[in-house]
Amino acid sequence: IVKQAVGEERFDQTVQNRETAKQLYKTFVPQMRKFGLGDVGLNIVERIENGAGGSYSGLNKLVNLSLQEAEPLQTMRHESLHAMKDLGFFTP
């Protein structure tokens, strides 16, 4: 019987999360560019402090997405709308 070393499971999860983040980044950045958000950054994190699936920072022009989010595409689109509003894409 082979036992996992302490922390090995956590390491495996981190490696898996890193690969998932890379794939999401490769998929979402071109979509954000199509939305006209080429100047807005994308940050994919393990989790967001308040438990949200995503957030947008107008100060940093940055969309944050959590790997804990069940629907990352929907969340990216939602946060992109916040970015578009902040950048003046919509007029009253």
C-alpha atoms as a PDB file:
ATOM      1  CA  ILE A   1       0.000   0.000   0.000  1.00  0.00           C
ATOM      2  CA  VAL A   2       1.361   3.385  -1.012  1.00  0.00           C
ATOM      3  CA  LYS A   3       0.388   6.299   1.187  1.00  0.00           C
ATOM      4  CA  GLN A   4       0.405   9.893   0.048  1.00  0.00           C
ATOM      5  CA  ALA A   5       2.822  12.163   1.808  1.00  0.00           C
ATOM      6  CA  VAL A   6       1.372  14.967   3.875  1.00  0.00           C
ATOM      7  CA  GLY A   7       0.606  17.852   1.538  1.00  0.00           C
ATOM      8  CA  GLU A   8       0.858  15.740  -1.613  1.00  0.00           C
ATOM      9  CA  GLU A   9      -2.904  15.854  -2.210  1.00  0.00           C
ATOM     10  CA  ARG A  10      -2.813  19.635  -1.817  1.00  0.00           C
ATOM     11  CA  PHE A  11       0.080  19.819  -4.287  1.00  0.00           C
ATOM     12  CA  ASP A  12      -1.834  17.682  -6.813  1.00  0.00           C
ATOM     13  CA  GLN A  13      -4.860  19.984  -6.464  1.00  0.00           C
ATOM     14  CA  THR A  14      -2.677  23.067  -6.940  1.00  0.00           C
ATOM     15  CA  VAL A  15      -1.172  21.622 -10.125  1.00  0.00           C
ATOM     16  CA  GLN A  16      -4.662  20.756 -11.402  1.00  0.00           C
ATOM     17  CA  ASN A  17      -5.904  24.265 -10.551  1.00  0.00           C
ATOM     18  CA  ARG A  18      -2.954  25.798 -12.380  1.00  0.00           C
ATOM     19  CA  GLU A  19      -3.792  23.813 -15.521  1.00  0.00           C
ATOM     20  CA  THR A  20      -7.481  24.735 -15.251  1.00  0.00           C
ATOM     21  CA  ALA A  21      -6.551  28.401 -14.832  1.00  0.00           C
ATOM     22  CA  LYS A  22      -4.342  28.286 -17.942  1.00  0.00           C
ATOM     23  CA  GLN A  23      -7.161  26.779 -20.004  1.00  0.00           C
ATOM     24  CA  LEU A  24      -9.703  29.330 -18.760  1.00  0.00           C
ATOM     25  CA  TYR A  25      -7.263  32.160 -19.489  1.00  0.00           C
ATOM     26  CA  LYS A  26      -6.631  30.914 -23.036  1.00  0.00           C
ATOM     27  CA  THR A  27     -10.378  30.698 -23.630  1.00  0.00           C
ATOM     28  CA  PHE A  28     -11.554  33.886 -21.930  1.00  0.00           C
ATOM     29  CA  VAL A  29      -8.946  36.480 -22.959  1.00  0.00           C
ATOM     30  CA  PRO A  30      -9.850  36.257 -26.677  1.00  0.00           C
ATOM     31  CA  GLN A  31     -13.534  36.536 -25.753  1.00  0.00           C
ATOM     32  CA  MET A  32     -12.864  39.619 -23.656  1.00  0.00           C
ATOM     33  CA  ARG A  33     -10.984  41.153 -26.596  1.00  0.00           C
ATOM     34  CA  LYS A  34     -14.020  40.516 -28.808  1.00  0.00           C
ATOM     35  CA  PHE A  35     -16.069  42.445 -26.246  1.00  0.00           C
ATOM     36  CA  GLY A  36     -13.655  45.384 -26.684  1.00  0.00           C
ATOM     37  CA  LEU A  37     -11.951  44.753 -23.362  1.00  0.00           C
ATOM     38  CA  GLY A  38      -8.385  44.300 -24.605  1.00  0.00           C
ATOM     39  CA  ASP A  39      -7.123  46.727 -21.941  1.00  0.00           C
ATOM     40  CA  VAL A  40      -8.830  44.842 -19.105  1.00  0.00           C
ATOM     41  CA  GLY A  41      -6.790  42.176 -17.359  1.00  0.00           C
ATOM     42  CA  LEU A  42      -7.952  38.732 -16.307  1.00  0.00           C
ATOM     43  CA  ASN A  43      -6.828  37.199 -13.031  1.00  0.00           C
ATOM     44  CA  ILE A  44      -7.870  33.642 -12.222  1.00  0.00           C
ATOM     45  CA  VAL A  45      -7.501  32.832  -8.543  1.00  0.00           C
ATOM     46  CA  GLU A  46      -8.168  29.814  -6.374  1.00  0.00           C
ATOM     47  CA  ARG A  47     -10.860  31.678  -4.443  1.00  0.00           C
ATOM     48  CA  ILE A  48     -12.146  35.165  -3.744  1.00  0.00           C
ATOM     49  CA  GLU A  49     -12.256  36.250  -0.104  1.00  0.00           C
ATOM     50  CA  ASN A  50     -15.978  36.945   0.149  1.00  0.00           C
ATOM     51  CA  GLY A  51     -16.865  33.686  -1.610  1.00  0.00           C
ATOM     52  CA  ALA A  52     -17.917  35.380  -4.838  1.00  0.00           C
ATOM     53  CA  GLY A  53     -17.363  33.662  -8.157  1.00  0.00           C
ATOM     54  CA  GLY A  54     -15.888  36.792  -9.685  1.00  0.00           C
ATOM     55  CA  SER A  55     -15.270  40.487  -9.293  1.00  0.00           C
ATOM     56  CA  TYR A  56     -14.268  43.526 -11.317  1.00  0.00           C
ATOM     57  CA  SER A  57     -11.902  46.241 -10.126  1.00  0.00           C
ATOM     58  CA  GLY A  58     -12.316  49.483 -12.028  1.00  0.00           C
ATOM     59  CA  LEU A  59      -9.254  50.901 -10.298  1.00  0.00           C
ATOM     60  CA  ASN A  60      -7.048  48.145 -11.714  1.00  0.00           C
ATOM     61  CA  LYS A  61      -9.120  47.363 -14.827  1.00  0.00           C
ATOM     62  CA  LEU A  62      -9.076  43.746 -13.736  1.00  0.00           C
ATOM     63  CA  VAL A  63     -11.603  40.918 -13.851  1.00  0.00           C
ATOM     64  CA  ASN A  64     -11.004  38.319 -11.142  1.00  0.00           C
ATOM     65  CA  LEU A  65     -12.459  34.824 -11.500  1.00  0.00           C
ATOM     66  CA  SER A  66     -12.495  32.138  -8.839  1.00  0.00           C
ATOM     67  CA  LEU A  67     -11.657  28.542  -9.665  1.00  0.00           C
ATOM     68  CA  GLN A  68     -14.382  27.664  -7.146  1.00  0.00           C
ATOM     69  CA  GLU A  69     -17.025  29.110  -9.503  1.00  0.00           C
ATOM     70  CA  ALA A  70     -19.286  26.462 -11.048  1.00  0.00           C
ATOM     71  CA  GLU A  71     -20.097  28.606 -14.123  1.00  0.00           C
ATOM     72  CA  PRO A  72     -16.882  30.479 -14.997  1.00  0.00           C
ATOM     73  CA  LEU A  73     -18.029  31.496 -18.506  1.00  0.00           C
ATOM     74  CA  GLN A  74     -21.215  33.074 -17.178  1.00  0.00           C
ATOM     75  CA  THR A  75     -19.235  34.829 -14.438  1.00  0.00           C
ATOM     76  CA  MET A  76     -16.641  36.162 -16.896  1.00  0.00           C
ATOM     77  CA  ARG A  77     -19.439  37.588 -19.049  1.00  0.00           C
ATOM     78  CA  HIS A  78     -21.106  39.136 -15.996  1.00  0.00           C
ATOM     79  CA  GLU A  79     -17.876  40.773 -14.824  1.00  0.00           C
ATOM     80  CA  SER A  80     -17.183  41.931 -18.389  1.00  0.00           C
ATOM     81  CA  LEU A  81     -20.473  43.826 -18.298  1.00  0.00           C
ATOM     82  CA  HIS A  82     -19.280  45.628 -15.158  1.00  0.00           C
ATOM     83  CA  ALA A  83     -16.064  46.495 -17.005  1.00  0.00           C
ATOM     84  CA  MET A  84     -17.979  47.765 -20.052  1.00  0.00           C
ATOM     85  CA  LYS A  85     -20.181  49.943 -17.852  1.00  0.00           C
ATOM     86  CA  ASP A  86     -17.150  51.295 -15.978  1.00  0.00           C
ATOM     87  CA  LEU A  87     -15.356  52.093 -19.239  1.00  0.00           C
ATOM     88  CA  GLY A  88     -18.330  54.005 -20.656  1.00  0.00           C
ATOM     89  CA  PHE A  89     -19.532  51.484 -23.247  1.00  0.00           C
ATOM     90  CA  PHE A  90     -23.134  52.311 -22.340  1.00  0.00           C
ATOM     91  CA  THR A  91     -24.803  55.689 -22.322  1.00  0.00           C
ATOM     92  CA  PRO A  92     -27.922  56.664 -20.363  1.00  0.00           C
END
